[in-house]
Amino acid sequence: MGNKKMGRPTDNPKDISLKVRLDKGTAEKLDACIKELKVSKAEVIRRGIHKVHDDLQKE
């Protein structure tokens, strides 16, 4: 019973879960991004975090 279910092996496991609350306008922007980029909501958010972090490094 204690066996952990195995998925695809990865070099970068995503084992931290995050819950966010968005206003309607922000949610609509997120939806537009996922449709245009054809990626998941989580991927758009990860890319956004990387972009903001990179911008901070430039300052």
N, C-alpha and C. Protein backbone atom coordinates (compact mmCIF):
# COMPACT_ATOMS: atom_id res chain seq x y z
N MET A 1 0.81 -1.20 0.00
CA MET A 1 0.00 0.00 0.00
C MET A 1 0.85 1.26 0.00
N GLY A 2 2.07 1.20 0.54
CA GLY A 2 2.90 2.37 0.63
C GLY A 2 3.66 2.68 -0.65
N ASN A 3 3.42 1.90 -1.71
CA ASN A 3 4.12 2.15 -2.97
C ASN A 3 3.66 3.45 -3.59
N LYS A 4 4.65 4.25 -3.99
CA LYS A 4 4.34 5.53 -4.62
C LYS A 4 4.13 5.29 -6.11
N LYS A 5 3.12 5.92 -6.68
CA LYS A 5 2.82 5.77 -8.10
C LYS A 5 3.92 6.45 -8.91
N MET A 6 4.43 5.75 -9.90
CA MET A 6 5.51 6.28 -10.73
C MET A 6 4.95 6.90 -12.00
N GLY A 7 5.41 8.08 -12.30
CA GLY A 7 5.07 8.74 -13.55
C GLY A 7 6.31 8.77 -14.42
N ARG A 8 6.30 9.66 -15.40
CA ARG A 8 7.47 9.80 -16.24
C ARG A 8 8.62 10.36 -15.43
N PRO A 9 9.82 9.81 -15.57
CA PRO A 9 10.96 10.37 -14.86
C PRO A 9 11.28 11.77 -15.40
N THR A 10 11.75 12.66 -14.52
CA THR A 10 12.07 14.01 -14.92
C THR A 10 13.29 14.50 -14.15
N ASP A 11 14.03 15.41 -14.76
CA ASP A 11 15.17 16.03 -14.09
C ASP A 11 14.73 17.21 -13.24
N ASN A 12 13.48 17.65 -13.42
CA ASN A 12 12.99 18.82 -12.71
C ASN A 12 11.57 18.55 -12.20
N PRO A 13 11.46 17.76 -11.11
CA PRO A 13 10.11 17.45 -10.61
C PRO A 13 9.41 18.68 -10.08
N LYS A 14 8.12 18.76 -10.32
CA LYS A 14 7.29 19.87 -9.84
C LYS A 14 6.47 19.36 -8.65
N ASP A 15 7.08 19.39 -7.47
CA ASP A 15 6.43 18.80 -6.31
C ASP A 15 5.87 19.83 -5.33
N ILE A 16 5.92 21.10 -5.70
CA ILE A 16 5.36 22.15 -4.86
C ILE A 16 4.07 22.65 -5.50
N SER A 17 2.99 22.62 -4.72
CA SER A 17 1.69 23.05 -5.22
C SER A 17 1.41 24.46 -4.70
N LEU A 18 0.77 25.27 -5.53
CA LEU A 18 0.48 26.65 -5.17
C LEU A 18 -0.94 26.99 -5.59
N LYS A 19 -1.66 27.64 -4.71
CA LYS A 19 -3.02 28.07 -5.04
C LYS A 19 -3.01 29.59 -5.10
N VAL A 20 -3.59 30.14 -6.15
CA VAL A 20 -3.65 31.60 -6.29
C VAL A 20 -5.09 32.03 -6.53
N ARG A 21 -5.37 33.27 -6.18
CA ARG A 21 -6.68 33.86 -6.44
C ARG A 21 -6.46 34.98 -7.45
N LEU A 22 -7.28 35.00 -8.49
CA LEU A 22 -7.14 35.99 -9.55
C LEU A 22 -8.43 36.77 -9.72
N ASP A 23 -8.29 38.03 -10.11
CA ASP A 23 -9.48 38.77 -10.49
C ASP A 23 -9.85 38.36 -11.92
N LYS A 24 -11.04 38.73 -12.36
CA LYS A 24 -11.55 38.29 -13.66
C LYS A 24 -10.64 38.72 -14.80
N GLY A 25 -10.16 39.95 -14.77
CA GLY A 25 -9.30 40.45 -15.85
C GLY A 25 -8.00 39.68 -15.96
N THR A 26 -7.39 39.38 -14.82
CA THR A 26 -6.14 38.61 -14.83
C THR A 26 -6.39 37.19 -15.32
N ALA A 27 -7.49 36.59 -14.91
CA ALA A 27 -7.83 35.23 -15.36
C ALA A 27 -8.06 35.20 -16.87
N GLU A 28 -8.68 36.25 -17.41
CA GLU A 28 -8.89 36.32 -18.86
C GLU A 28 -7.56 36.45 -19.60
N LYS A 29 -6.63 37.22 -19.04
CA LYS A 29 -5.30 37.34 -19.65
C LYS A 29 -4.57 35.99 -19.61
N LEU A 30 -4.70 35.28 -18.50
CA LEU A 30 -4.08 33.95 -18.39
C LEU A 30 -4.66 33.01 -19.44
N ASP A 31 -5.98 33.02 -19.59
CA ASP A 31 -6.63 32.17 -20.58
C ASP A 31 -6.17 32.52 -22.00
N ALA A 32 -6.02 33.81 -22.29
CA ALA A 32 -5.55 34.23 -23.61
C ALA A 32 -4.13 33.71 -23.85
N CYS A 33 -3.31 33.75 -22.82
CA CYS A 33 -1.93 33.27 -22.94
C CYS A 33 -1.88 31.77 -23.22
N ILE A 34 -2.71 30.99 -22.49
CA ILE A 34 -2.66 29.54 -22.69
C ILE A 34 -3.16 29.16 -24.08
N LYS A 35 -4.13 29.91 -24.59
CA LYS A 35 -4.63 29.62 -25.94
C LYS A 35 -3.61 29.97 -27.00
N GLU A 36 -2.95 31.10 -26.85
CA GLU A 36 -1.96 31.55 -27.83
C GLU A 36 -0.71 30.69 -27.80
N LEU A 37 -0.23 30.37 -26.61
CA LEU A 37 1.03 29.62 -26.47
C LEU A 37 0.83 28.10 -26.51
N LYS A 38 -0.42 27.68 -26.32
CA LYS A 38 -0.76 26.24 -26.30
C LYS A 38 0.05 25.49 -25.24
N VAL A 39 0.06 26.06 -24.03
CA VAL A 39 0.70 25.43 -22.88
C VAL A 39 -0.27 25.49 -21.71
N SER A 40 0.10 24.84 -20.61
CA SER A 40 -0.77 24.81 -19.44
C SER A 40 -0.73 26.13 -18.67
N LYS A 41 -1.73 26.29 -17.80
CA LYS A 41 -1.74 27.47 -16.94
C LYS A 41 -0.47 27.51 -16.09
N ALA A 42 -0.10 26.36 -15.57
CA ALA A 42 1.10 26.29 -14.72
C ALA A 42 2.33 26.73 -15.50
N GLU A 43 2.44 26.35 -16.76
CA GLU A 43 3.60 26.72 -17.57
C GLU A 43 3.63 28.23 -17.81
N VAL A 44 2.48 28.83 -18.08
CA VAL A 44 2.44 30.29 -18.26
C VAL A 44 2.89 30.99 -16.98
N ILE A 45 2.42 30.50 -15.85
CA ILE A 45 2.80 31.11 -14.57
C ILE A 45 4.28 30.93 -14.30
N ARG A 46 4.83 29.73 -14.58
CA ARG A 46 6.27 29.51 -14.40
C ARG A 46 7.07 30.46 -15.28
N ARG A 47 6.65 30.62 -16.55
CA ARG A 47 7.35 31.53 -17.45
C ARG A 47 7.28 32.96 -16.94
N GLY A 48 6.13 33.35 -16.40
CA GLY A 48 5.98 34.69 -15.85
C GLY A 48 6.92 34.93 -14.67
N ILE A 49 7.03 33.95 -13.81
CA ILE A 49 7.94 34.06 -12.66
C ILE A 49 9.38 34.22 -13.14
N HIS A 50 9.77 33.40 -14.12
CA HIS A 50 11.14 33.49 -14.66
C HIS A 50 11.37 34.87 -15.29
N LYS A 51 10.38 35.37 -16.00
CA LYS A 51 10.52 36.68 -16.66
C LYS A 51 10.69 37.80 -15.64
N VAL A 52 9.86 37.80 -14.62
CA VAL A 52 9.97 38.83 -13.58
C VAL A 52 11.32 38.72 -12.87
N HIS A 53 11.74 37.50 -12.57
CA HIS A 53 13.02 37.29 -11.89
C HIS A 53 14.17 37.78 -12.76
N ASP A 54 14.15 37.46 -14.05
CA ASP A 54 15.19 37.92 -14.96
C ASP A 54 15.22 39.45 -15.02
N ASP A 55 14.04 40.07 -15.05
CA ASP A 55 13.97 41.53 -15.07
C ASP A 55 14.57 42.13 -13.81
N LEU A 56 14.36 41.49 -12.67
CA LEU A 56 14.95 41.97 -11.41
C LEU A 56 16.48 41.90 -11.45
N GLN A 57 17.00 40.87 -12.08
CA GLN A 57 18.46 40.70 -12.17
C GLN A 57 19.10 41.79 -13.04
N LYS A 58 18.33 42.34 -13.99
CA LYS A 58 18.84 43.37 -14.90
C LYS A 58 18.92 44.72 -14.21
N GLU A 59 18.15 44.92 -13.15
CA GLU A 59 18.10 46.23 -12.47
C GLU A 59 19.35 46.49 -11.68
